[in-house]
Amino acid sequence: MSRSILAFGTRASGADGFGLGAAICKPGMTANKVAKRAENVVRYKDEAIK
């Protein structure tokens, strides 16, 4: 996931939320893989709003 897309999608549009389900979890993924993807999303978000 691109940090610029995350920042643009939440700030430029004025949105106060967004869905990430399909970006984080796909059928057949292990819990560890889902957790890693979720951690990455949070890290990218944190970096984008610094």
N, C-alpha and C. Protein backbone atom coordinates (compact mmCIF):
# COMPACT_ATOMS: atom_id res chain seq x y z
N MET A 1 0.85 -1.17 0.00
CA MET A 1 0.00 0.00 0.00
C MET A 1 0.89 1.23 0.00
N SER A 2 0.61 2.13 -0.87
CA SER A 2 1.40 3.35 -0.98
C SER A 2 1.00 4.34 0.10
N ARG A 3 1.99 4.91 0.77
CA ARG A 3 1.70 5.92 1.79
C ARG A 3 1.02 7.13 1.17
N SER A 4 1.41 7.50 -0.07
CA SER A 4 0.80 8.67 -0.69
C SER A 4 -0.68 8.43 -0.98
N ILE A 5 -1.04 7.22 -1.35
CA ILE A 5 -2.45 6.91 -1.58
C ILE A 5 -3.21 6.97 -0.27
N LEU A 6 -2.65 6.43 0.79
CA LEU A 6 -3.31 6.47 2.08
C LEU A 6 -3.52 7.91 2.53
N ALA A 7 -2.49 8.73 2.43
CA ALA A 7 -2.60 10.13 2.85
C ALA A 7 -3.61 10.87 1.97
N PHE A 8 -3.57 10.66 0.66
CA PHE A 8 -4.49 11.34 -0.24
C PHE A 8 -5.92 10.91 0.04
N GLY A 9 -6.12 9.63 0.18
CA GLY A 9 -7.48 9.11 0.36
C GLY A 9 -8.15 9.60 1.61
N THR A 10 -7.40 9.84 2.67
CA THR A 10 -8.03 10.26 3.91
C THR A 10 -8.04 11.76 4.10
N ARG A 11 -7.07 12.45 3.59
CA ARG A 11 -7.00 13.90 3.82
C ARG A 11 -7.66 14.71 2.72
N ALA A 12 -7.30 14.44 1.48
CA ALA A 12 -7.80 15.26 0.38
C ALA A 12 -9.32 15.11 0.21
N SER A 13 -9.83 13.94 0.49
CA SER A 13 -11.26 13.73 0.29
C SER A 13 -12.10 14.20 1.46
N GLY A 14 -11.44 14.47 2.58
CA GLY A 14 -12.18 14.86 3.77
C GLY A 14 -12.82 13.68 4.48
N ALA A 15 -12.45 12.47 4.08
CA ALA A 15 -13.02 11.27 4.70
C ALA A 15 -12.53 11.14 6.14
N ASP A 16 -13.37 10.58 6.98
CA ASP A 16 -12.94 10.34 8.36
C ASP A 16 -12.80 8.85 8.65
N GLY A 17 -12.85 8.03 7.60
CA GLY A 17 -12.67 6.60 7.75
C GLY A 17 -12.59 5.94 6.39
N PHE A 18 -12.16 4.70 6.38
CA PHE A 18 -12.06 3.96 5.13
C PHE A 18 -11.98 2.48 5.44
N GLY A 19 -12.31 1.65 4.46
CA GLY A 19 -12.28 0.21 4.65
C GLY A 19 -10.97 -0.40 4.19
N LEU A 20 -10.49 -1.34 4.94
CA LEU A 20 -9.22 -1.99 4.62
C LEU A 20 -9.33 -3.51 4.57
N GLY A 21 -10.50 -4.04 4.76
CA GLY A 21 -10.65 -5.48 4.87
C GLY A 21 -9.98 -6.26 3.76
N ALA A 22 -10.26 -5.95 2.52
CA ALA A 22 -9.69 -6.70 1.40
C ALA A 22 -8.19 -6.47 1.24
N ALA A 23 -7.70 -5.34 1.71
CA ALA A 23 -6.26 -5.07 1.62
C ALA A 23 -5.48 -5.85 2.69
N ILE A 24 -6.16 -6.24 3.74
CA ILE A 24 -5.49 -6.91 4.86
C ILE A 24 -5.71 -8.42 4.83
N CYS A 25 -6.89 -8.86 4.50
CA CYS A 25 -7.24 -10.27 4.65
C CYS A 25 -7.81 -10.84 3.36
N LYS A 26 -7.24 -11.94 2.93
CA LYS A 26 -7.73 -12.67 1.76
C LYS A 26 -8.01 -14.11 2.20
N PRO A 27 -8.95 -14.78 1.56
CA PRO A 27 -9.23 -16.16 1.92
C PRO A 27 -7.96 -17.02 1.87
N GLY A 28 -7.80 -17.85 2.87
CA GLY A 28 -6.66 -18.76 2.91
C GLY A 28 -5.42 -18.22 3.59
N MET A 29 -5.41 -16.96 3.95
CA MET A 29 -4.24 -16.38 4.62
C MET A 29 -4.15 -16.88 6.06
N THR A 30 -2.93 -16.99 6.54
CA THR A 30 -2.73 -17.35 7.93
C THR A 30 -2.97 -16.13 8.82
N ALA A 31 -3.23 -16.38 10.09
CA ALA A 31 -3.42 -15.29 11.04
C ALA A 31 -2.16 -14.43 11.13
N ASN A 32 -1.00 -15.05 11.05
CA ASN A 32 0.25 -14.29 11.11
C ASN A 32 0.40 -13.35 9.92
N LYS A 33 0.01 -13.80 8.74
CA LYS A 33 0.09 -12.95 7.54
C LYS A 33 -0.88 -11.77 7.67
N VAL A 34 -2.09 -12.03 8.14
CA VAL A 34 -3.07 -10.96 8.33
C VAL A 34 -2.56 -9.95 9.36
N ALA A 35 -2.00 -10.44 10.45
CA ALA A 35 -1.47 -9.55 11.48
C ALA A 35 -0.34 -8.68 10.92
N LYS A 36 0.55 -9.25 10.13
CA LYS A 36 1.66 -8.49 9.55
C LYS A 36 1.13 -7.40 8.62
N ARG A 37 0.15 -7.74 7.80
CA ARG A 37 -0.43 -6.74 6.89
C ARG A 37 -1.11 -5.62 7.68
N ALA A 38 -1.81 -5.97 8.74
CA ALA A 38 -2.47 -4.95 9.57
C ALA A 38 -1.43 -4.04 10.23
N GLU A 39 -0.35 -4.63 10.72
CA GLU A 39 0.72 -3.82 11.31
C GLU A 39 1.31 -2.86 10.29
N ASN A 40 1.48 -3.31 9.06
CA ASN A 40 2.02 -2.45 8.00
C ASN A 40 1.08 -1.28 7.71
N VAL A 41 -0.21 -1.55 7.67
CA VAL A 41 -1.18 -0.47 7.41
C VAL A 41 -1.09 0.58 8.50
N VAL A 42 -1.02 0.16 9.75
CA VAL A 42 -0.92 1.11 10.86
C VAL A 42 0.37 1.90 10.76
N ARG A 43 1.48 1.23 10.44
CA ARG A 43 2.76 1.93 10.32
C ARG A 43 2.72 2.96 9.18
N TYR A 44 2.17 2.58 8.03
CA TYR A 44 2.06 3.52 6.90
C TYR A 44 1.19 4.72 7.27
N LYS A 45 0.10 4.46 7.98
CA LYS A 45 -0.78 5.55 8.41
C LYS A 45 -0.05 6.49 9.34
N ASP A 46 0.66 5.92 10.31
CA ASP A 46 1.40 6.74 11.26
C ASP A 46 2.45 7.59 10.57
N GLU A 47 3.15 7.03 9.59
CA GLU A 47 4.15 7.79 8.85
C GLU A 47 3.52 8.87 7.99
N ALA A 48 2.34 8.59 7.45
CA ALA A 48 1.68 9.55 6.56
C ALA A 48 1.17 10.79 7.30
N ILE A 49 0.86 10.64 8.58
CA ILE A 49 0.28 11.78 9.30
C ILE A 49 1.30 12.51 10.17
N LYS A 50 2.57 12.17 10.05
CA LYS A 50 3.61 12.87 10.82
C LYS A 50 3.73 14.30 10.37
